[in-house]
Amino acid sequence: MLRFMTEQGKEVFFIVLGVHNYKPWVDIVEAPWPNASCVKILPEYYDGKYPVRCAAAMLSSIHSVEHRTISVGYKDAQGHNLELNIVIG
């Protein structure tokens, strides 16, 4: 999990990635509050209280509160050496 924040602290988002059943996945999460941390968000993928987080269809692109497009995707989702492209524009 990677946490990104603008210098002004107005925009916080996370890139969450992992592998489940040999299949890589990635998700983008806009922080629900400005001081959100990975420690608070990551358990939402495992505790079952947030079915949206555990859904098979993860987000690969969002439009942030500051009107940026944030997109992520694996260059090649096969094998053991995975490359993830993160584009913030």
PDB file of N, CA and C in Angstrom:
ATOM      1  N   MET A   1       0.850  -1.166   0.000  1.00  0.00           N
ATOM      2  CA  MET A   1       0.000   0.000   0.000  1.00  0.00           C
ATOM      3  C   MET A   1       0.898   1.232   0.000  1.00  0.00           C
ATOM      4  N   LEU A   2       0.578   2.173  -0.897  1.00  0.00           N
ATOM      5  CA  LEU A   2       1.305   3.426  -0.996  1.00  0.00           C
ATOM      6  C   LEU A   2       0.352   4.579  -0.701  1.00  0.00           C
ATOM      7  N   ARG A   3       0.814   5.536   0.080  1.00  0.00           N
ATOM      8  CA  ARG A   3       0.000   6.707   0.418  1.00  0.00           C
ATOM      9  C   ARG A   3       0.590   7.922  -0.298  1.00  0.00           C
ATOM     10  N   PHE A   4      -0.267   8.678  -0.982  1.00  0.00           N
ATOM     11  CA  PHE A   4       0.133   9.889  -1.680  1.00  0.00           C
ATOM     12  C   PHE A   4      -0.631  11.063  -1.083  1.00  0.00           C
ATOM     13  N   MET A   5       0.073  12.220  -0.944  1.00  0.00           N
ATOM     14  CA  MET A   5      -0.573  13.415  -0.416  1.00  0.00           C
ATOM     15  C   MET A   5       0.064  14.644  -1.073  1.00  0.00           C
ATOM     16  N   THR A   6      -0.766  15.604  -1.463  1.00  0.00           N
ATOM     17  CA  THR A   6      -0.238  16.839  -2.030  1.00  0.00           C
ATOM     18  C   THR A   6       0.473  17.627  -0.933  1.00  0.00           C
ATOM     19  N   GLU A   7       1.338  18.537  -1.342  1.00  0.00           N
ATOM     20  CA  GLU A   7       2.063  19.358  -0.377  1.00  0.00           C
ATOM     21  C   GLU A   7       1.118  20.182   0.498  1.00  0.00           C
ATOM     22  N   GLN A   8       0.000  20.573  -0.063  1.00  0.00           N
ATOM     23  CA  GLN A   8      -0.978  21.351   0.695  1.00  0.00           C
ATOM     24  C   GLN A   8      -1.808  20.468   1.621  1.00  0.00           C
ATOM     25  N   GLY A   9      -1.731  19.158   1.453  1.00  0.00           N
ATOM     26  CA  GLY A   9      -2.488  18.226   2.291  1.00  0.00           C
ATOM     27  C   GLY A   9      -3.964  18.159   1.965  1.00  0.00           C
ATOM     28  N   LYS A  10      -4.367  18.718   0.818  1.00  0.00           N
ATOM     29  CA  LYS A  10      -5.781  18.729   0.452  1.00  0.00           C
ATOM     30  C   LYS A  10      -6.222  17.446  -0.223  1.00  0.00           C
ATOM     31  N   GLU A  11      -5.287  16.707  -0.748  1.00  0.00           N
ATOM     32  CA  GLU A  11      -5.629  15.507  -1.513  1.00  0.00           C
ATOM     33  C   GLU A  11      -4.782  14.339  -1.012  1.00  0.00           C
ATOM     34  N   VAL A  12      -5.444  13.318  -0.520  1.00  0.00           N
ATOM     35  CA  VAL A  12      -4.765  12.112  -0.033  1.00  0.00           C
ATOM     36  C   VAL A  12      -5.429  10.918  -0.696  1.00  0.00           C
ATOM     37  N   PHE A  13      -4.611  10.028  -1.258  1.00  0.00           N
ATOM     38  CA  PHE A  13      -5.149   8.796  -1.813  1.00  0.00           C
ATOM     39  C   PHE A  13      -4.132   7.680  -1.637  1.00  0.00           C
ATOM     40  N   PHE A  14      -4.618   6.463  -1.765  1.00  0.00           N
ATOM     41  CA  PHE A  14      -3.798   5.273  -1.573  1.00  0.00           C
ATOM     42  C   PHE A  14      -3.842   4.397  -2.821  1.00  0.00           C
ATOM     43  N   ILE A  15      -2.741   3.752  -3.118  1.00  0.00           N
ATOM     44  CA  ILE A  15      -2.692   2.697  -4.123  1.00  0.00           C
ATOM     45  C   ILE A  15      -2.466   1.414  -3.341  1.00  0.00           C
ATOM     46  N   VAL A  16      -3.410   0.503  -3.437  1.00  0.00           N
ATOM     47  CA  VAL A  16      -3.341  -0.759  -2.713  1.00  0.00           C
ATOM     48  C   VAL A  16      -3.144  -1.864  -3.738  1.00  0.00           C
ATOM     49  N   LEU A  17      -2.170  -2.728  -3.513  1.00  0.00           N
ATOM     50  CA  LEU A  17      -1.925  -3.800  -4.465  1.00  0.00           C
ATOM     51  C   LEU A  17      -1.600  -5.087  -3.743  1.00  0.00           C
ATOM     52  N   GLY A  18      -1.848  -6.181  -4.431  1.00  0.00           N
ATOM     53  CA  GLY A  18      -1.575  -7.487  -3.855  1.00  0.00           C
ATOM     54  C   GLY A  18      -1.777  -8.586  -4.872  1.00  0.00           C
ATOM     55  N   VAL A  19      -1.654  -9.806  -4.379  1.00  0.00           N
ATOM     56  CA  VAL A  19      -1.853 -10.988  -5.205  1.00  0.00           C
ATOM     57  C   VAL A  19      -2.773 -11.929  -4.431  1.00  0.00           C
ATOM     58  N   HIS A  20      -3.813 -12.402  -5.094  1.00  0.00           N
ATOM     59  CA  HIS A  20      -4.748 -13.358  -4.495  1.00  0.00           C
ATOM     60  C   HIS A  20      -4.950 -14.504  -5.465  1.00  0.00           C
ATOM     61  N   ASN A  21      -4.726 -15.718  -5.001  1.00  0.00           N
ATOM     62  CA  ASN A  21      -4.847 -16.906  -5.862  1.00  0.00           C
ATOM     63  C   ASN A  21      -4.030 -16.740  -7.143  1.00  0.00           C
ATOM     64  N   TYR A  22      -2.810 -16.256  -6.984  1.00  0.00           N
ATOM     65  CA  TYR A  22      -1.863 -16.066  -8.102  1.00  0.00           C
ATOM     66  C   TYR A  22      -2.299 -15.000  -9.093  1.00  0.00           C
ATOM     67  N   LYS A  23      -3.310 -14.220  -8.754  1.00  0.00           N
ATOM     68  CA  LYS A  23      -3.785 -13.161  -9.641  1.00  0.00           C
ATOM     69  C   LYS A  23      -3.531 -11.805  -8.983  1.00  0.00           C
ATOM     70  N   PRO A  24      -2.721 -10.935  -9.622  1.00  0.00           N
ATOM     71  CA  PRO A  24      -2.474  -9.612  -9.035  1.00  0.00           C
ATOM     72  C   PRO A  24      -3.705  -8.712  -9.128  1.00  0.00           C
ATOM     73  N   TRP A  25      -3.864  -7.866  -8.130  1.00  0.00           N
ATOM     74  CA  TRP A  25      -4.963  -6.908  -8.115  1.00  0.00           C
ATOM     75  C   TRP A  25      -4.430  -5.557  -7.647  1.00  0.00           C
ATOM     76  N   VAL A  26      -5.174  -4.513  -7.940  1.00  0.00           N
ATOM     77  CA  VAL A  26      -4.799  -3.158  -7.531  1.00  0.00           C
ATOM     78  C   VAL A  26      -6.074  -2.357  -7.302  1.00  0.00           C
ATOM     79  N   ASP A  27      -6.005  -1.419  -6.382  1.00  0.00           N
ATOM     80  CA  ASP A  27      -7.161  -0.590  -6.070  1.00  0.00           C
ATOM     81  C   ASP A  27      -6.661   0.819  -5.752  1.00  0.00           C
ATOM     82  N   ILE A  28      -7.499   1.812  -6.005  1.00  0.00           N
ATOM     83  CA  ILE A  28      -7.212   3.200  -5.651  1.00  0.00           C
ATOM     84  C   ILE A  28      -8.266   3.632  -4.639  1.00  0.00           C
ATOM     85  N   VAL A  29      -7.811   4.215  -3.543  1.00  0.00           N
ATOM     86  CA  VAL A  29      -8.726   4.642  -2.493  1.00  0.00           C
ATOM     87  C   VAL A  29      -8.481   6.115  -2.198  1.00  0.00           C
ATOM     88  N   GLU A  30      -9.527   6.937  -2.329  1.00  0.00           N
ATOM     89  CA  GLU A  30      -9.411   8.321  -1.870  1.00  0.00           C
ATOM     90  C   GLU A  30      -9.592   8.307  -0.363  1.00  0.00           C
ATOM     91  N   ALA A  31      -8.738   9.019   0.332  1.00  0.00           N
ATOM     92  CA  ALA A  31      -8.783   9.032   1.797  1.00  0.00           C
ATOM     93  C   ALA A  31     -10.092   9.629   2.292  1.00  0.00           C
ATOM     94  N   PRO A  32     -10.732   8.962   3.241  1.00  0.00           N
ATOM     95  CA  PRO A  32     -11.990   9.482   3.772  1.00  0.00           C
ATOM     96  C   PRO A  32     -11.786  10.692   4.692  1.00  0.00           C
ATOM     97  N   TRP A  33     -10.555  10.911   5.173  1.00  0.00           N
ATOM     98  CA  TRP A  33     -10.221  12.056   6.007  1.00  0.00           C
ATOM     99  C   TRP A  33      -8.755  12.411   5.742  1.00  0.00           C
ATOM    100  N   PRO A  34      -8.354  13.661   5.920  1.00  0.00           N
ATOM    101  CA  PRO A  34      -7.012  14.105   5.520  1.00  0.00           C
ATOM    102  C   PRO A  34      -5.844  13.377   6.185  1.00  0.00           C
ATOM    103  N   ASN A  35      -5.980  12.959   7.425  1.00  0.00           N
ATOM    104  CA  ASN A  35      -4.868  12.294   8.101  1.00  0.00           C
ATOM    105  C   ASN A  35      -5.001  10.768   8.089  1.00  0.00           C
ATOM    106  N   ALA A  36      -5.731  10.232   7.131  1.00  0.00           N
ATOM    107  CA  ALA A  36      -5.895   8.778   7.013  1.00  0.00           C
ATOM    108  C   ALA A  36      -4.529   8.141   6.784  1.00  0.00           C
ATOM    109  N   SER A  37      -4.365   6.948   7.330  1.00  0.00           N
ATOM    110  CA  SER A  37      -3.082   6.260   7.191  1.00  0.00           C
ATOM    111  C   SER A  37      -3.297   4.843   6.651  1.00  0.00           C
ATOM    112  N   CYS A  38      -2.226   4.268   6.172  1.00  0.00           N
ATOM    113  CA  CYS A  38      -2.269   2.882   5.689  1.00  0.00           C
ATOM    114  C   CYS A  38      -2.687   1.939   6.808  1.00  0.00           C
ATOM    115  N   VAL A  39      -2.258   2.237   8.019  1.00  0.00           N
ATOM    116  CA  VAL A  39      -2.581   1.392   9.176  1.00  0.00           C
ATOM    117  C   VAL A  39      -4.090   1.316   9.391  1.00  0.00           C
ATOM    118  N   LYS A  40      -4.800   2.397   9.114  1.00  0.00           N
ATOM    119  CA  LYS A  40      -6.260   2.419   9.281  1.00  0.00           C
ATOM    120  C   LYS A  40      -6.996   1.811   8.091  1.00  0.00           C
ATOM    121  N   ILE A  41      -6.507   2.032   6.869  1.00  0.00           N
ATOM    122  CA  ILE A  41      -7.215   1.608   5.660  1.00  0.00           C
ATOM    123  C   ILE A  41      -6.977   0.138   5.316  1.00  0.00           C
ATOM    124  N   LEU A  42      -5.755  -0.348   5.440  1.00  0.00           N
ATOM    125  CA  LEU A  42      -5.423  -1.708   5.003  1.00  0.00           C
ATOM    126  C   LEU A  42      -6.303  -2.788   5.635  1.00  0.00           C
ATOM    127  N   PRO A  43      -6.619  -2.751   6.925  1.00  0.00           N
ATOM    128  CA  PRO A  43      -7.480  -3.801   7.495  1.00  0.00           C
ATOM    129  C   PRO A  43      -8.863  -3.902   6.868  1.00  0.00           C
ATOM    130  N   GLU A  44      -9.316  -2.840   6.211  1.00  0.00           N
ATOM    131  CA  GLU A  44     -10.626  -2.872   5.558  1.00  0.00           C
ATOM    132  C   GLU A  44     -10.683  -3.921   4.446  1.00  0.00           C
ATOM    133  N   TYR A  45      -9.543  -4.342   3.941  1.00  0.00           N
ATOM    134  CA  TYR A  45      -9.502  -5.368   2.893  1.00  0.00           C
ATOM    135  C   TYR A  45      -9.606  -6.775   3.468  1.00  0.00           C
ATOM    136  N   TYR A  46      -9.529  -6.906   4.772  1.00  0.00           N
ATOM    137  CA  TYR A  46      -9.469  -8.236   5.373  1.00  0.00           C
ATOM    138  C   TYR A  46     -10.535  -8.509   6.428  1.00  0.00           C
ATOM    139  N   ASP A  47     -11.162  -7.482   6.995  1.00  0.00           N
ATOM    140  CA  ASP A  47     -12.065  -7.734   8.113  1.00  0.00           C
ATOM    141  C   ASP A  47     -13.505  -8.036   7.725  1.00  0.00           C
ATOM    142  N   GLY A  48     -13.881  -7.883   6.458  1.00  0.00           N
ATOM    143  CA  GLY A  48     -15.229  -8.228   6.012  1.00  0.00           C
ATOM    144  C   GLY A  48     -16.277  -7.160   6.297  1.00  0.00           C
ATOM    145  N   LYS A  49     -15.925  -6.089   6.976  1.00  0.00           N
ATOM    146  CA  LYS A  49     -16.883  -5.028   7.282  1.00  0.00           C
ATOM    147  C   LYS A  49     -17.085  -4.080   6.100  1.00  0.00           C
ATOM    148  N   TYR A  50     -16.183  -4.137   5.128  1.00  0.00           N
ATOM    149  CA  TYR A  50     -16.237  -3.243   3.989  1.00  0.00           C
ATOM    150  C   TYR A  50     -16.253  -4.063   2.702  1.00  0.00           C
ATOM    151  N   PRO A  51     -17.417  -4.597   2.329  1.00  0.00           N
ATOM    152  CA  PRO A  51     -17.471  -5.464   1.140  1.00  0.00           C
ATOM    153  C   PRO A  51     -17.023  -4.772  -0.145  1.00  0.00           C
ATOM    154  N   VAL A  52     -17.141  -3.454  -0.207  1.00  0.00           N
ATOM    155  CA  VAL A  52     -16.690  -2.724  -1.391  1.00  0.00           C
ATOM    156  C   VAL A  52     -15.183  -2.908  -1.576  1.00  0.00           C
ATOM    157  N   ARG A  53     -14.439  -2.899  -0.491  1.00  0.00           N
ATOM    158  CA  ARG A  53     -12.986  -3.066  -0.559  1.00  0.00           C
ATOM    159  C   ARG A  53     -12.617  -4.477  -1.018  1.00  0.00           C
ATOM    160  N   CYS A  54     -13.407  -5.454  -0.652  1.00  0.00           N
ATOM    161  CA  CYS A  54     -13.091  -6.850  -0.959  1.00  0.00           C
ATOM    162  C   CYS A  54     -13.675  -7.307  -2.296  1.00  0.00           C
ATOM    163  N   ALA A  55     -14.374  -6.432  -2.998  1.00  0.00           N
ATOM    164  CA  ALA A  55     -14.996  -6.802  -4.265  1.00  0.00           C
ATOM    165  C   ALA A  55     -13.944  -7.155  -5.309  1.00  0.00           C
ATOM    166  N   ALA A  56     -14.314  -8.020  -6.211  1.00  0.00           N
ATOM    167  CA  ALA A  56     -13.382  -8.470  -7.245  1.00  0.00           C
ATOM    168  C   ALA A  56     -13.023  -7.348  -8.209  1.00  0.00           C
ATOM    169  N   ALA A  57     -13.960  -6.459  -8.473  1.00  0.00           N
ATOM    170  CA  ALA A  57     -13.706  -5.360  -9.412  1.00  0.00           C
ATOM    171  C   ALA A  57     -13.117  -4.178  -8.657  1.00  0.00           C
ATOM    172  N   MET A  58     -11.822  -4.053  -8.683  1.00  0.00           N
ATOM    173  CA  MET A  58     -11.152  -2.955  -8.005  1.00  0.00           C
ATOM    174  C   MET A  58     -11.056  -1.759  -8.954  1.00  0.00           C
ATOM    175  N   LEU A  59     -10.883  -0.587  -8.391  1.00  0.00           N
ATOM    176  CA  LEU A  59     -10.766   0.626  -9.201  1.00  0.00           C
ATOM    177  C   LEU A  59      -9.384   0.725  -9.815  1.00  0.00           C
ATOM    178  N   SER A  60      -9.322   1.043 -11.084  1.00  0.00           N
ATOM    179  CA  SER A  60      -8.039   1.234 -11.739  1.00  0.00           C
ATOM    180  C   SER A  60      -7.870   2.670 -12.225  1.00  0.00           C
ATOM    181  N   SER A  61      -8.920   3.494 -12.034  1.00  0.00           N
ATOM    182  CA  SER A  61      -8.832   4.898 -12.426  1.00  0.00           C
ATOM    183  C   SER A  61      -9.876   5.688 -11.647  1.00  0.00           C
ATOM    184  N   ILE A  62      -9.469   6.868 -11.162  1.00  0.00           N
ATOM    185  CA  ILE A  62     -10.412   7.752 -10.466  1.00  0.00           C
ATOM    186  C   ILE A  62     -10.132   9.191 -10.881  1.00  0.00           C
ATOM    187  N   HIS A  63     -11.092  10.059 -10.594  1.00  0.00           N
ATOM    188  CA  HIS A  63     -10.904  11.502 -10.713  1.00  0.00           C
ATOM    189  C   HIS A  63     -10.925  12.033  -9.290  1.00  0.00           C
ATOM    190  N   SER A  64      -9.818  12.624  -8.871  1.00  0.00           N
ATOM    191  CA  SER A  64      -9.659  13.046  -7.484  1.00  0.00           C
ATOM    192  C   SER A  64     -10.430  14.320  -7.185  1.00  0.00           C
ATOM    193  N   VAL A  65     -10.439  14.679  -5.895  1.00  0.00           N
ATOM    194  CA  VAL A  65     -11.124  15.894  -5.472  1.00  0.00           C
ATOM    195  C   VAL A  65     -10.482  17.141  -6.068  1.00  0.00           C
ATOM    196  N   GLU A  66      -9.218  17.064  -6.426  1.00  0.00           N
ATOM    197  CA  GLU A  66      -8.514  18.181  -7.059  1.00  0.00           C
ATOM    198  C   GLU A  66      -8.563  18.076  -8.586  1.00  0.00           C
ATOM    199  N   HIS A  67      -9.454  17.236  -9.118  1.00  0.00           N
ATOM    200  CA  HIS A  67      -9.694  17.068 -10.556  1.00  0.00           C
ATOM    201  C   HIS A  67      -8.505  16.476 -11.306  1.00  0.00           C
ATOM    202  N   ARG A  68      -7.746  15.643 -10.648  1.00  0.00           N
ATOM    203  CA  ARG A  68      -6.666  14.913 -11.295  1.00  0.00           C
ATOM    204  C   ARG A  68      -7.189  13.533 -11.686  1.00  0.00           C
ATOM    205  N   THR A  69      -6.631  13.000 -12.746  1.00  0.00           N
ATOM    206  CA  THR A  69      -6.926  11.620 -13.105  1.00  0.00           C
ATOM    207  C   THR A  69      -5.794  10.761 -12.567  1.00  0.00           C
ATOM    208  N   ILE A  70      -6.158   9.773 -11.785  1.00  0.00           N
ATOM    209  CA  ILE A  70      -5.183   8.852 -11.216  1.00  0.00           C
ATOM    210  C   ILE A  70      -5.518   7.476 -11.765  1.00  0.00           C
ATOM    211  N   SER A  71      -4.548   6.859 -12.429  1.00  0.00           N
ATOM    212  CA  SER A  71      -4.799   5.531 -12.980  1.00  0.00           C
ATOM    213  C   SER A  71      -3.622   4.618 -12.678  1.00  0.00           C
ATOM    214  N   VAL A  72      -3.941   3.355 -12.512  1.00  0.00           N
ATOM    215  CA  VAL A  72      -2.931   2.338 -12.223  1.00  0.00           C
ATOM    216  C   VAL A  72      -3.221   1.104 -13.059  1.00  0.00           C
ATOM    217  N   GLY A  73      -2.194   0.350 -13.335  1.00  0.00           N
ATOM    218  CA  GLY A  73      -2.376  -0.889 -14.077  1.00  0.00           C
ATOM    219  C   GLY A  73      -1.061  -1.641 -14.165  1.00  0.00           C
ATOM    220  N   TYR A  74      -1.159  -2.944 -14.158  1.00  0.00           N
ATOM    221  CA  TYR A  74       0.031  -3.769 -14.295  1.00  0.00           C
ATOM    222  C   TYR A  74       0.463  -3.783 -15.758  1.00  0.00           C
ATOM    223  N   LYS A  75       1.748  -3.585 -15.982  1.00  0.00           N
ATOM    224  CA  LYS A  75       2.295  -3.638 -17.334  1.00  0.00           C
ATOM    225  C   LYS A  75       2.113  -5.044 -17.893  1.00  0.00           C
ATOM    226  N   ASP A  76       2.397  -6.032 -17.068  1.00  0.00           N
ATOM    227  CA  ASP A  76       2.189  -7.440 -17.412  1.00  0.00           C
ATOM    228  C   ASP A  76       1.801  -8.142 -16.127  1.00  0.00           C
ATOM    229  N   ALA A  77       0.623  -8.708 -16.079  1.00  0.00           N
ATOM    230  CA  ALA A  77       0.112  -9.331 -14.859  1.00  0.00           C
ATOM    231  C   ALA A  77       0.432 -10.820 -14.778  1.00  0.00           C
ATOM    232  N   GLN A  78       1.436 -11.254 -15.502  1.00  0.00           N
ATOM    233  CA  GLN A  78       1.819 -12.672 -15.498  1.00  0.00           C
ATOM    234  C   GLN A  78       3.210 -12.811 -14.875  1.00  0.00           C
ATOM    235  N   GLY A  79       3.468 -13.965 -14.301  1.00  0.00           N
ATOM    236  CA  GLY A  79       4.799 -14.257 -13.794  1.00  0.00           C
ATOM    237  C   GLY A  79       5.044 -13.717 -12.396  1.00  0.00           C
ATOM    238  N   HIS A  80       6.322 -13.690 -12.017  1.00  0.00           N
ATOM    239  CA  HIS A  80       6.705 -13.305 -10.662  1.00  0.00           C
ATOM    240  C   HIS A  80       7.272 -11.897 -10.573  1.00  0.00           C
ATOM    241  N   ASN A  81       7.640 -11.292 -11.696  1.00  0.00           N
ATOM    242  CA  ASN A  81       8.186  -9.941 -11.707  1.00  0.00           C
ATOM    243  C   ASN A  81       7.142  -8.988 -12.268  1.00  0.00           C
ATOM    244  N   LEU A  82       6.329  -8.447 -11.371  1.00  0.00           N
ATOM    245  CA  LEU A  82       5.233  -7.573 -11.779  1.00  0.00           C
ATOM    246  C   LEU A  82       5.681  -6.123 -11.801  1.00  0.00           C
ATOM    247  N   GLU A  83       5.227  -5.388 -12.808  1.00  0.00           N
ATOM    248  CA  GLU A  83       5.481  -3.958 -12.922  1.00  0.00           C
ATOM    249  C   GLU A  83       4.143  -3.235 -12.901  1.00  0.00           C
ATOM    250  N   LEU A  84       4.045  -2.245 -12.019  1.00  0.00           N
ATOM    251  CA  LEU A  84       2.819  -1.464 -11.895  1.00  0.00           C
ATOM    252  C   LEU A  84       3.074  -0.052 -12.401  1.00  0.00           C
ATOM    253  N   ASN A  85       2.237   0.409 -13.308  1.00  0.00           N
ATOM    254  CA  ASN A  85       2.304   1.784 -13.796  1.00  0.00           C
ATOM    255  C   ASN A  85       1.311   2.627 -13.016  1.00  0.00           C
ATOM    256  N   ILE A  86       1.803   3.751 -12.445  1.00  0.00           N
ATOM    257  CA  ILE A  86       0.949   4.706 -11.732  1.00  0.00           C
ATOM    258  C   ILE A  86       1.058   6.024 -12.483  1.00  0.00           C
ATOM    259  N   VAL A  87      -0.095   6.547 -12.927  1.00  0.00           N
ATOM    260  CA  VAL A  87      -0.114   7.810 -13.672  1.00  0.00           C
ATOM    261  C   VAL A  87      -0.993   8.788 -12.904  1.00  0.00           C
ATOM    262  N   ILE A  88      -0.404   9.931 -12.569  1.00  0.00           N
ATOM    263  CA  ILE A  88      -1.114  11.002 -11.876  1.00  0.00           C
ATOM    264  C   ILE A  88      -1.077  12.210 -12.795  1.00  0.00           C
ATOM    265  N   GLY A  89      -2.230  12.596 -13.299  1.00  0.00           N
ATOM    266  CA  GLY A  89      -2.235  13.683 -14.270  1.00  0.00           C
ATOM    267  C   GLY A  89      -3.354  14.647 -14.105  1.00  0.00           C
TER     268      GLY A  89
END
